[in-house]
Full PDB file with SEQRES, HELIX, SHEET, SSBOND, CRYST1, ORIGX, SCALE, CONECT and MASTER records, all heavy atoms in Angstrom:
SEQRES   1 A   35  GLN ILE SER PRO LYS ILE ILE ASN GLU ALA ILE GLU ILE          
SEQRES   2 A   35  PHE GLU SER ARG TYR ASN GLU ILE ASP SER LEU ARG SER          
SEQRES   3 A   35  VAL VAL LYS ILE GLU LYS SER PRO TYR                          
HELIX    1 AA1 PRO A    4  SER A   16  1                                  13    
CRYST1    1.000    1.000    1.000  90.00  90.00  90.00 P 1           1          
ORIGX1      1.000000  0.000000  0.000000        0.00000                         
ORIGX2      0.000000  1.000000  0.000000        0.00000                         
ORIGX3      0.000000  0.000000  1.000000        0.00000                         
SCALE1      1.000000  0.000000  0.000000        0.00000                         
SCALE2      0.000000  1.000000  0.000000        0.00000                         
SCALE3      0.000000  0.000000  1.000000        0.00000                         
ATOM      1  N   GLN A   1      10.278   6.653 -25.964  1.00  0.00           N  
ATOM      2  CA  GLN A   1      11.135   6.501 -24.806  1.00  0.00           C  
ATOM      3  C   GLN A   1      10.597   5.536 -23.792  1.00  0.00           C  
ATOM      4  O   GLN A   1      11.257   5.322 -22.763  1.00  0.00           O  
ATOM      5  CB  GLN A   1      11.235   7.943 -24.122  1.00  0.00           C  
ATOM      6  CG  GLN A   1      12.031   9.002 -24.945  1.00  0.00           C  
ATOM      7  CD  GLN A   1      12.035  10.308 -24.169  1.00  0.00           C  
ATOM      8  OE1 GLN A   1      10.988  10.976 -24.114  1.00  0.00           O  
ATOM      9  NE2 GLN A   1      13.134  10.658 -23.628  1.00  0.00           N  
ATOM     10  N   ILE A   2       9.496   4.946 -24.047  1.00  0.00           N  
ATOM     11  CA  ILE A   2       8.934   3.947 -23.134  1.00  0.00           C  
ATOM     12  C   ILE A   2       9.940   2.833 -22.853  1.00  0.00           C  
ATOM     13  O   ILE A   2      10.673   2.469 -23.751  1.00  0.00           O  
ATOM     14  CB  ILE A   2       7.598   3.403 -23.640  1.00  0.00           C  
ATOM     15  CG1 ILE A   2       6.876   2.567 -22.561  1.00  0.00           C  
ATOM     16  CG2 ILE A   2       7.802   2.571 -24.884  1.00  0.00           C  
ATOM     17  CD1 ILE A   2       6.392   3.378 -21.407  1.00  0.00           C  
ATOM     18  N   SER A   3       9.951   2.354 -21.621  1.00  0.00           N  
ATOM     19  CA  SER A   3      10.880   1.259 -21.285  1.00  0.00           C  
ATOM     20  C   SER A   3      10.195   0.295 -20.371  1.00  0.00           C  
ATOM     21  O   SER A   3       9.185   0.548 -19.761  1.00  0.00           O  
ATOM     22  CB  SER A   3      12.141   1.873 -20.598  1.00  0.00           C  
ATOM     23  OG  SER A   3      11.699   2.346 -19.298  1.00  0.00           O  
ATOM     24  N   PRO A   4      10.785  -0.987 -20.236  1.00  0.00           N  
ATOM     25  CA  PRO A   4      10.244  -1.952 -19.303  1.00  0.00           C  
ATOM     26  C   PRO A   4      10.198  -1.369 -17.906  1.00  0.00           C  
ATOM     27  O   PRO A   4       9.267  -1.658 -17.169  1.00  0.00           O  
ATOM     28  CB  PRO A   4      11.192  -3.105 -19.448  1.00  0.00           C  
ATOM     29  CG  PRO A   4      11.773  -3.026 -20.847  1.00  0.00           C  
ATOM     30  CD  PRO A   4      11.875  -1.510 -21.064  1.00  0.00           C  
ATOM     31  N   LYS A   5      11.177  -0.596 -17.518  1.00  0.00           N  
ATOM     32  CA  LYS A   5      11.262  -0.036 -16.201  1.00  0.00           C  
ATOM     33  C   LYS A   5      10.079   0.905 -15.896  1.00  0.00           C  
ATOM     34  O   LYS A   5       9.394   0.800 -14.877  1.00  0.00           O  
ATOM     35  CB  LYS A   5      12.554   0.713 -15.991  1.00  0.00           C  
ATOM     36  CG  LYS A   5      12.801   1.344 -14.643  1.00  0.00           C  
ATOM     37  CD  LYS A   5      14.193   1.923 -14.491  1.00  0.00           C  
ATOM     38  CE  LYS A   5      14.437   2.537 -13.136  1.00  0.00           C  
ATOM     39  NZ  LYS A   5      13.627   3.724 -12.812  1.00  0.00           N  
ATOM     40  N   ILE A   6       9.781   1.768 -16.897  1.00  0.00           N  
ATOM     41  CA  ILE A   6       8.604   2.626 -16.709  1.00  0.00           C  
ATOM     42  C   ILE A   6       7.317   1.868 -16.606  1.00  0.00           C  
ATOM     43  O   ILE A   6       6.477   2.125 -15.733  1.00  0.00           O  
ATOM     44  CB  ILE A   6       8.534   3.609 -17.927  1.00  0.00           C  
ATOM     45  CG1 ILE A   6       9.695   4.592 -17.931  1.00  0.00           C  
ATOM     46  CG2 ILE A   6       7.167   4.374 -17.949  1.00  0.00           C  
ATOM     47  CD1 ILE A   6       9.791   5.430 -19.204  1.00  0.00           C  
ATOM     48  N   ILE A   7       7.145   0.884 -17.430  1.00  0.00           N  
ATOM     49  CA  ILE A   7       5.951   0.042 -17.401  1.00  0.00           C  
ATOM     50  C   ILE A   7       5.807  -0.650 -16.019  1.00  0.00           C  
ATOM     51  O   ILE A   7       4.729  -0.642 -15.382  1.00  0.00           O  
ATOM     52  CB  ILE A   7       5.912  -1.007 -18.518  1.00  0.00           C  
ATOM     53  CG1 ILE A   7       5.968  -0.294 -19.871  1.00  0.00           C  
ATOM     54  CG2 ILE A   7       4.704  -1.922 -18.413  1.00  0.00           C  
ATOM     55  CD1 ILE A   7       6.180  -1.178 -21.027  1.00  0.00           C  
ATOM     56  N   ASN A   8       6.852  -1.270 -15.607  1.00  0.00           N  
ATOM     57  CA  ASN A   8       6.854  -1.992 -14.307  1.00  0.00           C  
ATOM     58  C   ASN A   8       6.513  -1.093 -13.110  1.00  0.00           C  
ATOM     59  O   ASN A   8       5.808  -1.429 -12.222  1.00  0.00           O  
ATOM     60  CB  ASN A   8       8.192  -2.742 -14.135  1.00  0.00           C  
ATOM     61  CG  ASN A   8       8.416  -3.858 -15.041  1.00  0.00           C  
ATOM     62  OD1 ASN A   8       7.484  -4.315 -15.746  1.00  0.00           O  
ATOM     63  ND2 ASN A   8       9.614  -4.344 -15.182  1.00  0.00           N  
ATOM     64  N   GLU A   9       7.147   0.122 -13.125  1.00  0.00           N  
ATOM     65  CA  GLU A   9       6.907   1.053 -12.066  1.00  0.00           C  
ATOM     66  C   GLU A   9       5.459   1.511 -12.013  1.00  0.00           C  
ATOM     67  O   GLU A   9       4.855   1.600 -10.963  1.00  0.00           O  
ATOM     68  CB  GLU A   9       7.847   2.270 -12.190  1.00  0.00           C  
ATOM     69  CG  GLU A   9       9.330   1.985 -11.860  1.00  0.00           C  
ATOM     70  CD  GLU A   9      10.184   3.185 -11.946  1.00  0.00           C  
ATOM     71  OE1 GLU A   9       9.702   4.245 -12.455  1.00  0.00           O  
ATOM     72  OE2 GLU A   9      11.419   3.048 -11.650  1.00  0.00           O  
ATOM     73  N   ALA A  10       4.914   1.839 -13.184  1.00  0.00           N  
ATOM     74  CA  ALA A  10       3.550   2.275 -13.292  1.00  0.00           C  
ATOM     75  C   ALA A  10       2.564   1.156 -12.845  1.00  0.00           C  
ATOM     76  O   ALA A  10       1.597   1.425 -12.112  1.00  0.00           O  
ATOM     77  CB  ALA A  10       3.180   2.745 -14.715  1.00  0.00           C  
ATOM     78  N   ILE A  11       2.845  -0.053 -13.264  1.00  0.00           N  
ATOM     79  CA  ILE A  11       1.998  -1.202 -12.804  1.00  0.00           C  
ATOM     80  C   ILE A  11       2.053  -1.341 -11.291  1.00  0.00           C  
ATOM     81  O   ILE A  11       1.025  -1.563 -10.632  1.00  0.00           O  
ATOM     82  CB  ILE A  11       2.447  -2.496 -13.510  1.00  0.00           C  
ATOM     83  CG1 ILE A  11       2.066  -2.457 -15.006  1.00  0.00           C  
ATOM     84  CG2 ILE A  11       1.835  -3.729 -12.808  1.00  0.00           C  
ATOM     85  CD1 ILE A  11       2.560  -3.603 -15.786  1.00  0.00           C  
ATOM     86  N   GLU A  12       3.238  -1.245 -10.733  1.00  0.00           N  
ATOM     87  CA  GLU A  12       3.406  -1.422  -9.323  1.00  0.00           C  
ATOM     88  C   GLU A  12       2.623  -0.367  -8.516  1.00  0.00           C  
ATOM     89  O   GLU A  12       1.913  -0.668  -7.564  1.00  0.00           O  
ATOM     90  CB  GLU A  12       4.871  -1.357  -8.908  1.00  0.00           C  
ATOM     91  CG  GLU A  12       5.160  -1.582  -7.440  1.00  0.00           C  
ATOM     92  CD  GLU A  12       6.595  -1.559  -7.029  1.00  0.00           C  
ATOM     93  OE1 GLU A  12       7.478  -1.318  -7.982  1.00  0.00           O  
ATOM     94  OE2 GLU A  12       6.940  -1.784  -5.880  1.00  0.00           O  
ATOM     95  N   ILE A  13       2.689   0.922  -9.005  1.00  0.00           N  
ATOM     96  CA  ILE A  13       1.908   1.939  -8.321  1.00  0.00           C  
ATOM     97  C   ILE A  13       0.458   1.722  -8.488  1.00  0.00           C  
ATOM     98  O   ILE A  13      -0.317   1.884  -7.530  1.00  0.00           O  
ATOM     99  CB  ILE A  13       2.335   3.311  -8.895  1.00  0.00           C  
ATOM    100  CG1 ILE A  13       3.769   3.666  -8.493  1.00  0.00           C  
ATOM    101  CG2 ILE A  13       1.392   4.437  -8.437  1.00  0.00           C  
ATOM    102  CD1 ILE A  13       4.330   4.889  -9.253  1.00  0.00           C  
ATOM    103  N   PHE A  14       0.006   1.360  -9.692  1.00  0.00           N  
ATOM    104  CA  PHE A  14      -1.381   1.151  -9.946  1.00  0.00           C  
ATOM    105  C   PHE A  14      -1.990   0.072  -9.085  1.00  0.00           C  
ATOM    106  O   PHE A  14      -3.027   0.209  -8.476  1.00  0.00           O  
ATOM    107  CB  PHE A  14      -1.566   0.830 -11.425  1.00  0.00           C  
ATOM    108  CG  PHE A  14      -3.010   0.640 -11.881  1.00  0.00           C  
ATOM    109  CD1 PHE A  14      -3.833   1.714 -12.088  1.00  0.00           C  
ATOM    110  CD2 PHE A  14      -3.533  -0.642 -12.052  1.00  0.00           C  
ATOM    111  CE1 PHE A  14      -5.183   1.535 -12.478  1.00  0.00           C  
ATOM    112  CE2 PHE A  14      -4.823  -0.860 -12.458  1.00  0.00           C  
ATOM    113  CZ  PHE A  14      -5.658   0.225 -12.678  1.00  0.00           C  
ATOM    114  N   GLU A  15      -1.256  -1.113  -9.031  1.00  0.00           N  
ATOM    115  CA  GLU A  15      -1.752  -2.232  -8.257  1.00  0.00           C  
ATOM    116  C   GLU A  15      -1.769  -1.939  -6.728  1.00  0.00           C  
ATOM    117  O   GLU A  15      -2.587  -2.476  -6.057  1.00  0.00           O  
ATOM    118  CB  GLU A  15      -0.987  -3.457  -8.617  1.00  0.00           C  
ATOM    119  CG  GLU A  15      -1.256  -3.979 -10.022  1.00  0.00           C  
ATOM    120  CD  GLU A  15      -0.746  -5.378 -10.271  1.00  0.00           C  
ATOM    121  OE1 GLU A  15      -0.009  -5.891  -9.447  1.00  0.00           O  
ATOM    122  OE2 GLU A  15      -1.068  -5.924 -11.365  1.00  0.00           O  
ATOM    123  N   SER A  16      -0.801  -1.090  -6.325  1.00  0.00           N  
ATOM    124  CA  SER A  16      -0.776  -0.763  -4.879  1.00  0.00           C  
ATOM    125  C   SER A  16      -1.986   0.052  -4.422  1.00  0.00           C  
ATOM    126  O   SER A  16      -2.305   0.074  -3.266  1.00  0.00           O  
ATOM    127  CB  SER A  16       0.541  -0.047  -4.560  1.00  0.00           C  
ATOM    128  OG  SER A  16       0.509   1.276  -5.015  1.00  0.00           O  
ATOM    129  N   ARG A  17      -2.642   0.744  -5.362  1.00  0.00           N  
ATOM    130  CA  ARG A  17      -3.790   1.586  -5.063  1.00  0.00           C  
ATOM    131  C   ARG A  17      -5.037   1.075  -5.757  1.00  0.00           C  
ATOM    132  O   ARG A  17      -5.982   1.825  -5.870  1.00  0.00           O  
ATOM    133  CB  ARG A  17      -3.461   3.063  -5.464  1.00  0.00           C  
ATOM    134  CG  ARG A  17      -2.216   3.676  -4.816  1.00  0.00           C  
ATOM    135  CD  ARG A  17      -2.489   4.157  -3.444  1.00  0.00           C  
ATOM    136  NE  ARG A  17      -3.513   5.186  -3.408  1.00  0.00           N  
ATOM    137  CZ  ARG A  17      -3.248   6.480  -3.685  1.00  0.00           C  
ATOM    138  NH1 ARG A  17      -2.014   6.889  -3.951  1.00  0.00           N  
ATOM    139  NH2 ARG A  17      -4.220   7.396  -3.603  1.00  0.00           N  
ATOM    140  N   TYR A  18      -5.028  -0.167  -6.175  1.00  0.00           N  
ATOM    141  CA  TYR A  18      -6.027  -0.686  -7.111  1.00  0.00           C  
ATOM    142  C   TYR A  18      -7.440  -0.437  -6.609  1.00  0.00           C  
ATOM    143  O   TYR A  18      -8.339  -0.106  -7.393  1.00  0.00           O  
ATOM    144  CB  TYR A  18      -5.775  -2.192  -7.344  1.00  0.00           C  
ATOM    145  CG  TYR A  18      -6.612  -2.765  -8.471  1.00  0.00           C  
ATOM    146  CD1 TYR A  18      -6.274  -2.686  -9.787  1.00  0.00           C  
ATOM    147  CD2 TYR A  18      -7.798  -3.429  -8.150  1.00  0.00           C  
ATOM    148  CE1 TYR A  18      -7.013  -3.199 -10.780  1.00  0.00           C  
ATOM    149  CE2 TYR A  18      -8.522  -3.992  -9.120  1.00  0.00           C  
ATOM    150  CZ  TYR A  18      -8.176  -3.860 -10.445  1.00  0.00           C  
ATOM    151  OH  TYR A  18      -8.972  -4.401 -11.403  1.00  0.00           O  
ATOM    152  N   ASN A  19      -7.660  -0.636  -5.334  1.00  0.00           N  
ATOM    153  CA  ASN A  19      -9.052  -0.632  -4.804  1.00  0.00           C  
ATOM    154  C   ASN A  19      -9.535   0.833  -4.613  1.00  0.00           C  
ATOM    155  O   ASN A  19     -10.736   1.050  -4.376  1.00  0.00           O  
ATOM    156  CB  ASN A  19      -9.161  -1.349  -3.441  1.00  0.00           C  
ATOM    157  CG  ASN A  19      -8.958  -2.880  -3.627  1.00  0.00           C  
ATOM    158  OD1 ASN A  19      -9.329  -3.406  -4.637  1.00  0.00           O  
ATOM    159  ND2 ASN A  19      -8.347  -3.475  -2.669  1.00  0.00           N  
ATOM    160  N   GLU A  20      -8.628   1.808  -4.765  1.00  0.00           N  
ATOM    161  CA  GLU A  20      -9.042   3.170  -4.556  1.00  0.00           C  
ATOM    162  C   GLU A  20      -9.327   3.990  -5.878  1.00  0.00           C  
ATOM    163  O   GLU A  20      -9.853   5.071  -5.760  1.00  0.00           O  
ATOM    164  CB  GLU A  20      -7.899   3.930  -3.814  1.00  0.00           C  
ATOM    165  CG  GLU A  20      -7.458   3.280  -2.517  1.00  0.00           C  
ATOM    166  CD  GLU A  20      -6.148   3.954  -2.070  1.00  0.00           C  
ATOM    167  OE1 GLU A  20      -6.040   5.156  -2.165  1.00  0.00           O  
ATOM    168  OE2 GLU A  20      -5.225   3.255  -1.594  1.00  0.00           O  
ATOM    169  N   ILE A  21      -8.801   3.470  -6.981  1.00  0.00           N  
ATOM    170  CA  ILE A  21      -8.726   4.282  -8.178  1.00  0.00           C  
ATOM    171  C   ILE A  21      -9.388   3.574  -9.372  1.00  0.00           C  
ATOM    172  O   ILE A  21      -9.692   2.340  -9.299  1.00  0.00           O  
ATOM    173  CB  ILE A  21      -7.310   4.578  -8.539  1.00  0.00           C  
ATOM    174  CG1 ILE A  21      -6.504   3.307  -8.759  1.00  0.00           C  
ATOM    175  CG2 ILE A  21      -6.672   5.464  -7.477  1.00  0.00           C  
ATOM    176  CD1 ILE A  21      -5.079   3.518  -9.247  1.00  0.00           C  
ATOM    177  N   ASP A  22      -9.614   4.315 -10.431  1.00  0.00           N  
ATOM    178  CA  ASP A  22     -10.148   3.790 -11.687  1.00  0.00           C  
ATOM    179  C   ASP A  22      -9.088   3.735 -12.819  1.00  0.00           C  
ATOM    180  O   ASP A  22      -9.192   2.960 -13.746  1.00  0.00           O  
ATOM    181  CB  ASP A  22     -11.292   4.637 -12.197  1.00  0.00           C  
ATOM    182  CG  ASP A  22     -12.485   4.612 -11.245  1.00  0.00           C  
ATOM    183  OD1 ASP A  22     -12.900   3.493 -10.876  1.00  0.00           O  
ATOM    184  OD2 ASP A  22     -13.011   5.652 -10.909  1.00  0.00           O  
ATOM    185  N   SER A  23      -8.085   4.574 -12.679  1.00  0.00           N  
ATOM    186  CA  SER A  23      -7.056   4.667 -13.771  1.00  0.00           C  
ATOM    187  C   SER A  23      -5.816   5.369 -13.238  1.00  0.00           C  
ATOM    188  O   SER A  23      -5.731   5.832 -12.095  1.00  0.00           O  
ATOM    189  CB  SER A  23      -7.620   5.508 -14.901  1.00  0.00           C  
ATOM    190  OG  SER A  23      -7.923   6.779 -14.495  1.00  0.00           O  
ATOM    191  N   LEU A  24      -4.791   5.313 -14.087  1.00  0.00           N  
ATOM    192  CA  LEU A  24      -3.535   5.990 -13.826  1.00  0.00           C  
ATOM    193  C   LEU A  24      -3.127   6.652 -15.125  1.00  0.00           C  
ATOM    194  O   LEU A  24      -3.327   6.142 -16.222  1.00  0.00           O  
ATOM    195  CB  LEU A  24      -2.489   5.008 -13.373  1.00  0.00           C  
ATOM    196  CG  LEU A  24      -1.051   5.495 -13.238  1.00  0.00           C  
ATOM    197  CD1 LEU A  24      -0.320   4.736 -12.066  1.00  0.00           C  
ATOM    198  CD2 LEU A  24      -0.237   5.281 -14.521  1.00  0.00           C  
ATOM    199  N   ARG A  25      -2.499   7.812 -15.037  1.00  0.00           N  
ATOM    200  CA  ARG A  25      -2.083   8.551 -16.223  1.00  0.00           C  
ATOM    201  C   ARG A  25      -0.734   9.236 -16.011  1.00  0.00           C  
ATOM    202  O   ARG A  25      -0.529   9.848 -14.965  1.00  0.00           O  
ATOM    203  CB  ARG A  25      -3.124   9.575 -16.541  1.00  0.00           C  
ATOM    204  CG  ARG A  25      -2.842  10.352 -17.883  1.00  0.00           C  
ATOM    205  CD  ARG A  25      -4.143  10.971 -18.429  1.00  0.00           C  
ATOM    206  NE  ARG A  25      -5.066   9.951 -18.897  1.00  0.00           N  
ATOM    207  CZ  ARG A  25      -5.829  10.076 -19.944  1.00  0.00           C  
ATOM    208  NH1 ARG A  25      -5.850  11.174 -20.676  1.00  0.00           N  
ATOM    209  NH2 ARG A  25      -6.640   9.095 -20.334  1.00  0.00           N  
ATOM    210  N   SER A  26       0.191   9.076 -16.928  1.00  0.00           N  
ATOM    211  CA  SER A  26       1.515   9.701 -16.771  1.00  0.00           C  
ATOM    212  C   SER A  26       1.416  11.188 -17.167  1.00  0.00           C  
ATOM    213  O   SER A  26       0.775  11.606 -18.127  1.00  0.00           O  
ATOM    214  CB  SER A  26       2.552   8.984 -17.673  1.00  0.00           C  
ATOM    215  OG  SER A  26       2.263   9.142 -18.991  1.00  0.00           O  
ATOM    216  N   VAL A  27       2.149  11.984 -16.334  1.00  0.00           N  
ATOM    217  CA  VAL A  27       2.167  13.393 -16.504  1.00  0.00           C  
ATOM    218  C   VAL A  27       3.561  14.014 -16.271  1.00  0.00           C  
ATOM    219  O   VAL A  27       4.368  13.372 -15.614  1.00  0.00           O  
ATOM    220  CB  VAL A  27       1.161  14.143 -15.522  1.00  0.00           C  
ATOM    221  CG1 VAL A  27      -0.286  13.748 -15.868  1.00  0.00           C  
ATOM    222  CG2 VAL A  27       1.460  13.793 -14.066  1.00  0.00           C  
ATOM    223  N   VAL A  28       3.760  15.267 -16.789  1.00  0.00           N  
ATOM    224  CA  VAL A  28       4.989  15.961 -16.554  1.00  0.00           C  
ATOM    225  C   VAL A  28       4.594  17.363 -16.080  1.00  0.00           C  
ATOM    226  O   VAL A  28       3.491  17.866 -16.410  1.00  0.00           O  
ATOM    227  CB  VAL A  28       5.878  16.054 -17.738  1.00  0.00           C  
ATOM    228  CG1 VAL A  28       6.434  14.717 -18.122  1.00  0.00           C  
ATOM    229  CG2 VAL A  28       5.137  16.626 -18.919  1.00  0.00           C  
ATOM    230  N   LYS A  29       5.439  17.989 -15.314  1.00  0.00           N  
ATOM    231  CA  LYS A  29       5.166  19.368 -14.885  1.00  0.00           C  
ATOM    232  C   LYS A  29       5.158  20.310 -16.087  1.00  0.00           C  
ATOM    233  O   LYS A  29       5.928  20.120 -17.053  1.00  0.00           O  
ATOM    234  CB  LYS A  29       6.235  19.859 -13.889  1.00  0.00           C  
ATOM    235  CG  LYS A  29       6.176  19.295 -12.529  1.00  0.00           C  
ATOM    236  CD  LYS A  29       7.229  19.917 -11.607  1.00  0.00           C  
ATOM    237  CE  LYS A  29       7.146  19.427 -10.204  1.00  0.00           C  
ATOM    238  NZ  LYS A  29       8.182  20.036  -9.325  1.00  0.00           N  
ATOM    239  N   ILE A  30       4.316  21.329 -16.053  1.00  0.00           N  
ATOM    240  CA  ILE A  30       4.340  22.391 -17.027  1.00  0.00           C  
ATOM    241  C   ILE A  30       4.795  23.715 -16.362  1.00  0.00           C  
ATOM    242  O   ILE A  30       4.473  23.946 -15.200  1.00  0.00           O  
ATOM    243  CB  ILE A  30       3.046  22.573 -17.791  1.00  0.00           C  
ATOM    244  CG1 ILE A  30       1.857  22.876 -16.819  1.00  0.00           C  
ATOM    245  CG2 ILE A  30       2.681  21.333 -18.629  1.00  0.00           C  
ATOM    246  CD1 ILE A  30       0.613  23.280 -17.517  1.00  0.00           C  
ATOM    247  N   GLU A  31       5.473  24.499 -17.171  1.00  0.00           N  
ATOM    248  CA  GLU A  31       6.062  25.757 -16.622  1.00  0.00           C  
ATOM    249  C   GLU A  31       4.983  26.825 -16.494  1.00  0.00           C  
ATOM    250  O   GLU A  31       4.967  27.567 -15.478  1.00  0.00           O  
ATOM    251  CB  GLU A  31       7.117  26.224 -17.599  1.00  0.00           C  
ATOM    252  CG  GLU A  31       8.185  27.068 -16.927  1.00  0.00           C  
ATOM    253  CD  GLU A  31       9.290  27.403 -17.908  1.00  0.00           C  
ATOM    254  OE1 GLU A  31       9.982  26.492 -18.397  1.00  0.00           O  
ATOM    255  OE2 GLU A  31       9.491  28.617 -18.175  1.00  0.00           O  
ATOM    256  N   LYS A  32       4.114  26.898 -17.472  1.00  0.00           N  
ATOM    257  CA  LYS A  32       3.071  27.948 -17.443  1.00  0.00           C  
ATOM    258  C   LYS A  32       1.789  27.499 -16.815  1.00  0.00           C  
ATOM    259  O   LYS A  32       1.383  26.372 -17.037  1.00  0.00           O  
ATOM    260  CB  LYS A  32       2.772  28.460 -18.873  1.00  0.00           C  
ATOM    261  CG  LYS A  32       4.030  28.921 -19.649  1.00  0.00           C  
ATOM    262  CD  LYS A  32       4.642  30.149 -18.993  1.00  0.00           C  
ATOM    263  CE  LYS A  32       5.786  30.690 -19.821  1.00  0.00           C  
ATOM    264  NZ  LYS A  32       6.492  31.807 -19.231  1.00  0.00           N  
ATOM    265  N   SER A  33       1.163  28.354 -16.047  1.00  0.00           N  
ATOM    266  CA  SER A  33      -0.065  27.921 -15.359  1.00  0.00           C  
ATOM    267  C   SER A  33      -1.265  28.099 -16.281  1.00  0.00           C  
ATOM    268  O   SER A  33      -1.392  29.073 -16.996  1.00  0.00           O  
ATOM    269  CB  SER A  33      -0.294  28.810 -14.119  1.00  0.00           C  
ATOM    270  OG  SER A  33      -1.549  28.534 -13.578  1.00  0.00           O  
ATOM    271  N   PRO A  34      -2.205  27.119 -16.263  1.00  0.00           N  
ATOM    272  CA  PRO A  34      -3.436  27.243 -17.050  1.00  0.00           C  
ATOM    273  C   PRO A  34      -4.285  28.398 -16.559  1.00  0.00           C  
ATOM    274  O   PRO A  34      -5.182  28.885 -17.330  1.00  0.00           O  
ATOM    275  CB  PRO A  34      -4.129  25.902 -16.874  1.00  0.00           C  
ATOM    276  CG  PRO A  34      -3.536  25.348 -15.649  1.00  0.00           C  
ATOM    277  CD  PRO A  34      -2.154  25.809 -15.539  1.00  0.00           C  
ATOM    278  N   TYR A  35      -4.081  28.898 -15.350  1.00  0.00           N  
ATOM    279  CA  TYR A  35      -4.849  30.063 -14.874  1.00  0.00           C  
ATOM    280  C   TYR A  35      -4.458  31.298 -15.654  1.00  0.00           C  
ATOM    281  O   TYR A  35      -5.162  32.316 -15.656  1.00  0.00           O  
ATOM    282  CB  TYR A  35      -4.576  30.292 -13.412  1.00  0.00           C  
ATOM    283  CG  TYR A  35      -5.274  29.296 -12.519  1.00  0.00           C  
ATOM    284  CD1 TYR A  35      -4.552  28.286 -11.842  1.00  0.00           C  
ATOM    285  CD2 TYR A  35      -6.656  29.286 -12.352  1.00  0.00           C  
ATOM    286  CE1 TYR A  35      -5.222  27.362 -11.081  1.00  0.00           C  
ATOM    287  CE2 TYR A  35      -7.260  28.434 -11.545  1.00  0.00           C  
ATOM    288  CZ  TYR A  35      -6.588  27.425 -10.865  1.00  0.00           C  
ATOM    289  OH  TYR A  35      -7.236  26.521 -10.155  1.00  0.00           O  
TER     290      TYR A  35                                                      
MASTER        0    0    0    1    0    0    0    6  289    1    0    3          
END                                                                             
């Protein structure tokens, strides 16, 4: 399901915080708590 739009959005977010972070990772909400 990857698309150019997803890639471009992730790059934009990553570069906007580049000096603060080491990496970026895509995630989705989960219904059940790991607790």
